[in-house]
């Protein structure tokens, strides 16, 4: 019985011992092959003159330059597609939903998001733009009920991008959009550009038109403040969508 057990162990151990040896031989062979290839390349480099070396490096570099350029083009193409997609959503809103007397806060919030993304195209990647949305999404009924005049917020946001100083190192645009308990609040601040005065005759839907629409639809239920301080233009809009 012991002899049979020993025979079984031997049968198992022999292949187990043979496998590492076979692996060692294969690895050794590959190492030798790699060593020979490296030696051959060193000899080629030594025989090359300077002109051949330059040509070889140039031939290796050009495909990388082409690939990097292609990646850059693809990046711009993606940005263009992304922006055009957002622009298409803006057009849908303006053409269809803005024709309605009232839209839902949810639809207007989505419009504002797309409007900001489209306007970002004109900005440098290093430009300081701060955007914050604080939306109470738990009350879906209030969020989805038509209660907001279309394009009521567009003028304040457009003005920030039209009149901001994009060249000053301390320039910025700050946009905060809050919707909670049926109250909409929009705060927009930007550094004023001296090249683009705020008293333009045409500005979005127009400051006067904005005030008239607020008085018409939300009498005694809105606050609109606009003022300039330390070369900063500040706009604050609050609308209580429902009467107490």
C-alpha atoms as a PDB file:
ATOM      1  CA  UNK A   1       0.000   0.000   0.000  1.00  0.00           C
ATOM      2  CA  UNK A   2       2.832   2.370   0.920  1.00  0.00           C
ATOM      3  CA  UNK A   3       4.551   1.595  -2.368  1.00  0.00           C
ATOM      4  CA  UNK A   4       1.427   2.497  -4.322  1.00  0.00           C
ATOM      5  CA  UNK A   5       1.117   5.787  -2.445  1.00  0.00           C
ATOM      6  CA  UNK A   6       4.773   6.588  -3.134  1.00  0.00           C
ATOM      7  CA  UNK A   7       4.274   5.776  -6.803  1.00  0.00           C
ATOM      8  CA  UNK A   8       1.293   8.143  -6.951  1.00  0.00           C
ATOM      9  CA  UNK A   9       3.280  10.921  -5.246  1.00  0.00           C
ATOM     10  CA  UNK A  10       6.143  10.446  -7.679  1.00  0.00           C
ATOM     11  CA  UNK A  11       3.736  10.562 -10.606  1.00  0.00           C
ATOM     12  CA  UNK A  12       2.359  13.860  -9.294  1.00  0.00           C
ATOM     13  CA  UNK A  13       5.702  15.395  -8.362  1.00  0.00           C
ATOM     14  CA  UNK A  14       7.464  14.732 -11.643  1.00  0.00           C
ATOM     15  CA  UNK A  15       5.136  16.926 -13.747  1.00  0.00           C
ATOM     16  CA  UNK A  16       5.070  19.514 -10.964  1.00  0.00           C
ATOM     17  CA  UNK A  17       8.840  19.727 -11.046  1.00  0.00           C
ATOM     18  CA  UNK A  18       8.963  19.675 -14.830  1.00  0.00           C
ATOM     19  CA  UNK A  19       6.626  22.652 -15.302  1.00  0.00           C
ATOM     20  CA  UNK A  20       8.894  25.254 -13.609  1.00  0.00           C
ATOM     21  CA  UNK A  21      11.861  23.919 -15.556  1.00  0.00           C
ATOM     22  CA  UNK A  22      10.013  24.273 -18.852  1.00  0.00           C
ATOM     23  CA  UNK A  23       8.970  27.813 -17.933  1.00  0.00           C
ATOM     24  CA  UNK A  24      12.551  28.653 -17.006  1.00  0.00           C
ATOM     25  CA  UNK A  25      13.824  27.387 -20.347  1.00  0.00           C
ATOM     26  CA  UNK A  26      11.181  29.399 -22.250  1.00  0.00           C
ATOM     27  CA  UNK A  27      11.896  32.579 -20.318  1.00  0.00           C
ATOM     28  CA  UNK A  28      15.621  32.114 -20.784  1.00  0.00           C
ATOM     29  CA  UNK A  29      15.118  31.695 -24.511  1.00  0.00           C
ATOM     30  CA  UNK A  30      12.984  34.864 -24.713  1.00  0.00           C
ATOM     31  CA  UNK A  31      15.537  36.805 -22.697  1.00  0.00           C
ATOM     32  CA  UNK A  32      18.334  35.729 -25.044  1.00  0.00           C
ATOM     33  CA  UNK A  33      16.218  36.688 -28.045  1.00  0.00           C
ATOM     34  CA  UNK A  34      15.474  40.128 -26.556  1.00  0.00           C
ATOM     35  CA  UNK A  35      19.142  40.613 -25.708  1.00  0.00           C
ATOM     36  CA  UNK A  36      20.148  39.806 -29.283  1.00  0.00           C
ATOM     37  CA  UNK A  37      17.561  42.244 -30.663  1.00  0.00           C
ATOM     38  CA  UNK A  38      18.791  45.036 -28.398  1.00  0.00           C
ATOM     39  CA  UNK A  39      22.383  44.333 -29.413  1.00  0.00           C
ATOM     40  CA  UNK A  40      21.374  44.431 -33.105  1.00  0.00           C
ATOM     41  CA  UNK A  41      19.630  47.818 -32.617  1.00  0.00           C
ATOM     42  CA  UNK A  42      22.689  49.246 -30.851  1.00  0.00           C
ATOM     43  CA  UNK A  43      24.890  48.171 -33.764  1.00  0.00           C
ATOM     44  CA  UNK A  44      22.476  49.812 -36.228  1.00  0.00           C
ATOM     45  CA  UNK A  45      22.542  53.068 -34.244  1.00  0.00           C
ATOM     46  CA  UNK A  46      26.331  53.008 -34.168  1.00  0.00           C
ATOM     47  CA  UNK A  47      26.524  52.636 -37.954  1.00  0.00           C
ATOM     48  CA  UNK A  48      24.061  55.433 -38.601  1.00  0.00           C
ATOM     49  CA  UNK A  49      25.337  58.908 -39.382  1.00  0.00           C
ATOM     50  CA  UNK A  50      23.710  62.011 -37.988  1.00  0.00           C
ATOM     51  CA  UNK A  51      21.469  62.571 -41.007  1.00  0.00           C
ATOM     52  CA  UNK A  52      20.044  59.065 -40.788  1.00  0.00           C
ATOM     53  CA  UNK A  53      19.412  59.523 -37.071  1.00  0.00           C
ATOM     54  CA  UNK A  54      17.508  62.767 -37.684  1.00  0.00           C
ATOM     55  CA  UNK A  55      15.456  61.113 -40.409  1.00  0.00           C
ATOM     56  CA  UNK A  56      14.600  58.167 -38.199  1.00  0.00           C
ATOM     57  CA  UNK A  57      13.513  60.360 -35.259  1.00  0.00           C
ATOM     58  CA  UNK A  58      11.497  62.568 -37.596  1.00  0.00           C
ATOM     59  CA  UNK A  59       9.716  59.551 -39.038  1.00  0.00           C
ATOM     60  CA  UNK A  60       8.883  58.363 -35.545  1.00  0.00           C
ATOM     61  CA  UNK A  61       7.710  61.798 -34.410  1.00  0.00           C
ATOM     62  CA  UNK A  62       5.433  62.713 -37.309  1.00  0.00           C
ATOM     63  CA  UNK A  63       2.768  60.029 -36.617  1.00  0.00           C
ATOM     64  CA  UNK A  64       2.567  61.210 -32.999  1.00  0.00           C
ATOM     65  CA  UNK A  65       2.101  64.802 -34.129  1.00  0.00           C
ATOM     66  CA  UNK A  66      -0.631  63.690 -36.499  1.00  0.00           C
ATOM     67  CA  UNK A  67      -2.368  61.706 -33.762  1.00  0.00           C
ATOM     68  CA  UNK A  68      -2.199  64.632 -31.336  1.00  0.00           C
ATOM     69  CA  UNK A  69      -3.647  66.949 -33.989  1.00  0.00           C
ATOM     70  CA  UNK A  70      -6.429  64.468 -34.687  1.00  0.00           C
ATOM     71  CA  UNK A  71      -7.245  64.249 -30.989  1.00  0.00           C
ATOM     72  CA  UNK A  72      -7.439  68.041 -30.862  1.00  0.00           C
ATOM     73  CA  UNK A  73      -9.823  68.130 -33.833  1.00  0.00           C
ATOM     74  CA  UNK A  74     -11.991  65.414 -32.286  1.00  0.00           C
ATOM     75  CA  UNK A  75     -12.139  67.377 -29.054  1.00  0.00           C
ATOM     76  CA  UNK A  76     -13.331  70.503 -30.892  1.00  0.00           C
ATOM     77  CA  UNK A  77     -15.790  68.411 -32.913  1.00  0.00           C
ATOM     78  CA  UNK A  78     -17.269  66.972 -29.731  1.00  0.00           C
ATOM     79  CA  UNK A  79     -17.539  70.443 -28.191  1.00  0.00           C
ATOM     80  CA  UNK A  80     -19.258  71.705 -31.343  1.00  0.00           C
ATOM     81  CA  UNK A  81     -21.715  68.796 -31.321  1.00  0.00           C
ATOM     82  CA  UNK A  82     -22.407  69.331 -27.601  1.00  0.00           C
ATOM     83  CA  UNK A  83     -23.015  73.055 -28.080  1.00  0.00           C
ATOM     84  CA  UNK A  84     -25.221  72.546 -31.147  1.00  0.00           C
ATOM     85  CA  UNK A  85     -27.284  70.032 -29.193  1.00  0.00           C
ATOM     86  CA  UNK A  86     -27.810  72.592 -26.414  1.00  0.00           C
ATOM     87  CA  UNK A  87     -28.612  75.270 -28.988  1.00  0.00           C
ATOM     88  CA  UNK A  88     -31.248  73.004 -30.564  1.00  0.00           C
ATOM     89  CA  UNK A  89     -32.890  72.647 -27.148  1.00  0.00           C
ATOM     90  CA  UNK A  90     -32.913  76.434 -26.769  1.00  0.00           C
ATOM     91  CA  UNK A  91     -34.580  76.809 -30.152  1.00  0.00           C
ATOM     92  CA  UNK A  92     -37.231  74.221 -29.241  1.00  0.00           C
ATOM     93  CA  UNK A  93     -38.015  76.179 -26.093  1.00  0.00           C
ATOM     94  CA  UNK A  94     -38.167  79.535 -27.866  1.00  0.00           C
ATOM     95  CA  UNK A  95     -40.229  78.251 -30.814  1.00  0.00           C
ATOM     96  CA  UNK A  96     -42.716  76.100 -28.948  1.00  0.00           C
ATOM     97  CA  UNK A  97     -42.816  76.447 -25.174  1.00  0.00           C
ATOM     98  CA  UNK A  98     -42.318  80.227 -25.132  1.00  0.00           C
ATOM     99  CA  UNK A  99     -45.520  80.537 -27.152  1.00  0.00           C
ATOM    100  CA  UNK A 100     -47.417  79.294 -24.108  1.00  0.00           C
ATOM    101  CA  UNK A 101     -48.617  81.804 -21.568  1.00  0.00           C
ATOM    102  CA  UNK A 102     -46.954  79.900 -18.728  1.00  0.00           C
ATOM    103  CA  UNK A 103     -44.336  77.157 -18.522  1.00  0.00           C
ATOM    104  CA  UNK A 104     -43.206  74.975 -15.648  1.00  0.00           C
ATOM    105  CA  UNK A 105     -40.248  76.001 -13.480  1.00  0.00           C
ATOM    106  CA  UNK A 106     -38.644  72.704 -14.502  1.00  0.00           C
ATOM    107  CA  UNK A 107     -38.748  73.677 -18.195  1.00  0.00           C
ATOM    108  CA  UNK A 108     -37.351  77.139 -17.494  1.00  0.00           C
ATOM    109  CA  UNK A 109     -34.541  75.731 -15.345  1.00  0.00           C
ATOM    110  CA  UNK A 110     -33.533  73.409 -18.178  1.00  0.00           C
ATOM    111  CA  UNK A 111     -33.625  76.370 -20.563  1.00  0.00           C
ATOM    112  CA  UNK A 112     -31.325  78.378 -18.265  1.00  0.00           C
ATOM    113  CA  UNK A 113     -28.865  75.466 -18.028  1.00  0.00           C
ATOM    114  CA  UNK A 114     -28.691  75.183 -21.826  1.00  0.00           C
ATOM    115  CA  UNK A 115     -28.405  78.951 -22.242  1.00  0.00           C
ATOM    116  CA  UNK A 116     -25.391  79.033 -19.927  1.00  0.00           C
ATOM    117  CA  UNK A 117     -23.719  76.101 -21.692  1.00  0.00           C
ATOM    118  CA  UNK A 118     -24.107  77.733 -25.111  1.00  0.00           C
ATOM    119  CA  UNK A 119     -22.704  81.038 -23.847  1.00  0.00           C
ATOM    120  CA  UNK A 120     -19.697  79.265 -22.343  1.00  0.00           C
ATOM    121  CA  UNK A 121     -18.385  78.698 -25.881  1.00  0.00           C
ATOM    122  CA  UNK A 122     -17.196  82.304 -26.080  1.00  0.00           C
ATOM    123  CA  UNK A 123     -15.243  81.983 -22.830  1.00  0.00           C
ATOM    124  CA  UNK A 124     -11.668  80.935 -22.297  1.00  0.00           C
ATOM    125  CA  UNK A 125     -11.307  77.624 -20.402  1.00  0.00           C
ATOM    126  CA  UNK A 126      -9.523  79.630 -17.693  1.00  0.00           C
ATOM    127  CA  UNK A 127     -12.318  82.176 -17.312  1.00  0.00           C
ATOM    128  CA  UNK A 128     -13.876  82.204 -13.850  1.00  0.00           C
ATOM    129  CA  UNK A 129     -17.553  81.317 -14.240  1.00  0.00           C
ATOM    130  CA  UNK A 130     -19.478  80.188 -11.187  1.00  0.00           C
ATOM    131  CA  UNK A 131     -22.843  78.518 -11.695  1.00  0.00           C
ATOM    132  CA  UNK A 132     -24.991  77.113  -8.928  1.00  0.00           C
ATOM    133  CA  UNK A 133     -28.446  75.536  -9.076  1.00  0.00           C
ATOM    134  CA  UNK A 134     -30.289  74.905  -5.818  1.00  0.00           C
ATOM    135  CA  UNK A 135     -33.536  73.233  -6.846  1.00  0.00           C
ATOM    136  CA  UNK A 136     -36.010  71.530  -4.539  1.00  0.00           C
ATOM    137  CA  UNK A 137     -36.845  68.463  -6.602  1.00  0.00           C
ATOM    138  CA  UNK A 138     -38.924  66.765  -3.906  1.00  0.00           C
ATOM    139  CA  UNK A 139     -42.042  68.808  -4.699  1.00  0.00           C
ATOM    140  CA  UNK A 140     -42.658  67.601  -8.242  1.00  0.00           C
ATOM    141  CA  UNK A 141     -46.144  69.111  -8.425  1.00  0.00           C
ATOM    142  CA  UNK A 142     -44.832  72.621  -7.864  1.00  0.00           C
ATOM    143  CA  UNK A 143     -41.819  72.035 -10.093  1.00  0.00           C
ATOM    144  CA  UNK A 144     -43.842  70.765 -13.040  1.00  0.00           C
ATOM    145  CA  UNK A 145     -46.922  72.985 -12.789  1.00  0.00           C
ATOM    146  CA  UNK A 146     -47.095  75.780 -15.411  1.00  0.00           C
ATOM    147  CA  UNK A 147     -46.645  78.925 -13.327  1.00  0.00           C
ATOM    148  CA  UNK A 148     -43.722  80.844 -14.822  1.00  0.00           C
ATOM    149  CA  UNK A 149     -43.732  83.344 -17.663  1.00  0.00           C
ATOM    150  CA  UNK A 150     -41.459  82.064 -20.473  1.00  0.00           C
ATOM    151  CA  UNK A 151     -38.067  83.775 -20.872  1.00  0.00           C
ATOM    152  CA  UNK A 152     -38.550  85.833 -17.713  1.00  0.00           C
ATOM    153  CA  UNK A 153     -34.974  85.137 -16.589  1.00  0.00           C
ATOM    154  CA  UNK A 154     -33.162  85.288 -19.913  1.00  0.00           C
ATOM    155  CA  UNK A 155     -32.432  89.036 -19.933  1.00  0.00           C
ATOM    156  CA  UNK A 156     -30.423  89.037 -16.704  1.00  0.00           C
ATOM    157  CA  UNK A 157     -28.321  86.043 -17.770  1.00  0.00           C
ATOM    158  CA  UNK A 158     -27.692  87.345 -21.299  1.00  0.00           C
ATOM    159  CA  UNK A 159     -26.561  90.698 -19.926  1.00  0.00           C
ATOM    160  CA  UNK A 160     -23.867  89.011 -17.847  1.00  0.00           C
ATOM    161  CA  UNK A 161     -22.338  87.385 -20.930  1.00  0.00           C
ATOM    162  CA  UNK A 162     -22.794  90.484 -23.102  1.00  0.00           C
ATOM    163  CA  UNK A 163     -21.236  93.001 -20.749  1.00  0.00           C
ATOM    164  CA  UNK A 164     -18.707  90.999 -18.745  1.00  0.00           C
ATOM    165  CA  UNK A 165     -15.028  91.878 -19.009  1.00  0.00           C
ATOM    166  CA  UNK A 166     -13.494  88.714 -20.475  1.00  0.00           C
ATOM    167  CA  UNK A 167      -9.959  90.143 -20.578  1.00  0.00           C
ATOM    168  CA  UNK A 168      -9.433  91.377 -17.049  1.00  0.00           C
ATOM    169  CA  UNK A 169      -7.522  88.832 -14.901  1.00  0.00           C
ATOM    170  CA  UNK A 170      -9.993  89.273 -12.021  1.00  0.00           C
ATOM    171  CA  UNK A 171     -13.082  89.056 -14.200  1.00  0.00           C
ATOM    172  CA  UNK A 172     -15.834  86.559 -13.455  1.00  0.00           C
ATOM    173  CA  UNK A 173     -19.491  85.711 -13.955  1.00  0.00           C
ATOM    174  CA  UNK A 174     -21.538  84.331 -11.086  1.00  0.00           C
ATOM    175  CA  UNK A 175     -25.034  82.866 -11.594  1.00  0.00           C
ATOM    176  CA  UNK A 176     -27.108  81.371  -8.773  1.00  0.00           C
ATOM    177  CA  UNK A 177     -30.540  79.919  -9.495  1.00  0.00           C
ATOM    178  CA  UNK A 178     -32.692  78.836  -6.548  1.00  0.00           C
ATOM    179  CA  UNK A 179     -36.186  77.359  -6.594  1.00  0.00           C
ATOM    180  CA  UNK A 180     -37.773  76.331  -3.298  1.00  0.00           C
ATOM    181  CA  UNK A 181     -41.325  76.376  -1.927  1.00  0.00           C
ATOM    182  CA  UNK A 182     -42.682  78.089  -5.029  1.00  0.00           C
ATOM    183  CA  UNK A 183     -40.159  80.931  -4.871  1.00  0.00           C
ATOM    184  CA  UNK A 184     -37.663  81.527  -7.678  1.00  0.00           C
ATOM    185  CA  UNK A 185     -34.481  83.474  -6.976  1.00  0.00           C
ATOM    186  CA  UNK A 186     -31.881  84.427  -9.546  1.00  0.00           C
ATOM    187  CA  UNK A 187     -28.677  86.267  -8.669  1.00  0.00           C
ATOM    188  CA  UNK A 188     -26.278  87.336 -11.419  1.00  0.00           C
ATOM    189  CA  UNK A 189     -23.003  89.205 -10.868  1.00  0.00           C
ATOM    190  CA  UNK A 190     -20.237  90.081 -13.312  1.00  0.00           C
ATOM    191  CA  UNK A 191     -17.305  92.456 -13.678  1.00  0.00           C
ATOM    192  CA  UNK A 192     -18.213  95.202 -16.109  1.00  0.00           C
ATOM    193  CA  UNK A 193     -16.233  95.578 -19.299  1.00  0.00           C
ATOM    194  CA  UNK A 194     -15.295  99.166 -20.180  1.00  0.00           C
ATOM    195  CA  UNK A 195     -15.562  98.231 -23.839  1.00  0.00           C
ATOM    196  CA  UNK A 196     -19.168  97.143 -23.492  1.00  0.00           C
ATOM    197  CA  UNK A 197     -21.291  99.746 -21.671  1.00  0.00           C
ATOM    198  CA  UNK A 198     -24.416  98.613 -19.893  1.00  0.00           C
ATOM    199  CA  UNK A 199     -26.656 101.244 -21.470  1.00  0.00           C
ATOM    200  CA  UNK A 200     -26.999  99.485 -24.832  1.00  0.00           C
ATOM    201  CA  UNK A 201     -30.267 100.173 -26.593  1.00  0.00           C
ATOM    202  CA  UNK A 202     -30.892  96.497 -27.269  1.00  0.00           C
ATOM    203  CA  UNK A 203     -30.341  94.040 -24.459  1.00  0.00           C
ATOM    204  CA  UNK A 204     -32.119  90.686 -24.483  1.00  0.00           C
ATOM    205  CA  UNK A 205     -35.861  91.202 -24.191  1.00  0.00           C
ATOM    206  CA  UNK A 206     -35.074  94.610 -22.702  1.00  0.00           C
ATOM    207  CA  UNK A 207     -34.984  95.878 -19.145  1.00  0.00           C
ATOM    208  CA  UNK A 208     -38.190  97.838 -19.530  1.00  0.00           C
ATOM    209  CA  UNK A 209     -40.006  94.837 -20.987  1.00  0.00           C
ATOM    210  CA  UNK A 210     -38.833  92.652 -18.098  1.00  0.00           C
ATOM    211  CA  UNK A 211     -40.210  95.106 -15.539  1.00  0.00           C
ATOM    212  CA  UNK A 212     -43.508  95.356 -17.402  1.00  0.00           C
ATOM    213  CA  UNK A 213     -43.922  91.593 -17.560  1.00  0.00           C
ATOM    214  CA  UNK A 214     -43.163  91.233 -13.867  1.00  0.00           C
ATOM    215  CA  UNK A 215     -45.732  93.897 -12.996  1.00  0.00           C
ATOM    216  CA  UNK A 216     -48.303  92.273 -15.256  1.00  0.00           C
ATOM    217  CA  UNK A 217     -47.931  88.651 -14.149  1.00  0.00           C
ATOM    218  CA  UNK A 218     -46.567  88.922 -10.612  1.00  0.00           C
ATOM    219  CA  UNK A 219     -47.880  92.153  -9.062  1.00  0.00           C
ATOM    220  CA  UNK A 220     -46.675  92.530  -5.459  1.00  0.00           C
ATOM    221  CA  UNK A 221     -45.016  89.111  -5.767  1.00  0.00           C
ATOM    222  CA  UNK A 222     -41.632  89.999  -7.192  1.00  0.00           C
ATOM    223  CA  UNK A 223     -38.418  91.836  -6.347  1.00  0.00           C
ATOM    224  CA  UNK A 224     -36.048  93.138  -9.015  1.00  0.00           C
ATOM    225  CA  UNK A 225     -32.834  94.889  -8.070  1.00  0.00           C
ATOM    226  CA  UNK A 226     -30.060  95.966 -10.427  1.00  0.00           C
ATOM    227  CA  UNK A 227     -27.102  98.066  -9.379  1.00  0.00           C
ATOM    228  CA  UNK A 228     -23.423  98.695 -10.060  1.00  0.00           C
ATOM    229  CA  UNK A 229     -20.805  98.652  -7.325  1.00  0.00           C
ATOM    230  CA  UNK A 230     -16.992  98.600  -7.608  1.00  0.00           C
ATOM    231  CA  UNK A 231     -17.131  97.840 -11.348  1.00  0.00           C
ATOM    232  CA  UNK A 232     -19.455  94.938 -10.587  1.00  0.00           C
ATOM    233  CA  UNK A 233     -22.928  94.667 -12.054  1.00  0.00           C
ATOM    234  CA  UNK A 234     -25.390  92.924  -9.739  1.00  0.00           C
ATOM    235  CA  UNK A 235     -28.873  91.710 -10.575  1.00  0.00           C
ATOM    236  CA  UNK A 236     -31.307  90.009  -8.222  1.00  0.00           C
ATOM    237  CA  UNK A 237     -34.727  88.658  -9.159  1.00  0.00           C
ATOM    238  CA  UNK A 238     -37.189  86.995  -6.812  1.00  0.00           C
ATOM    239  CA  UNK A 239     -40.608  85.754  -7.873  1.00  0.00           C
ATOM    240  CA  UNK A 240     -43.275  84.201  -5.661  1.00  0.00           C
ATOM    241  CA  UNK A 241     -45.150  82.093  -8.185  1.00  0.00           C
ATOM    242  CA  UNK A 242     -48.285  81.683  -6.065  1.00  0.00           C
ATOM    243  CA  UNK A 243     -50.330  84.104  -4.031  1.00  0.00           C
ATOM    244  CA  UNK A 244     -50.424  83.557  -0.273  1.00  0.00           C
END
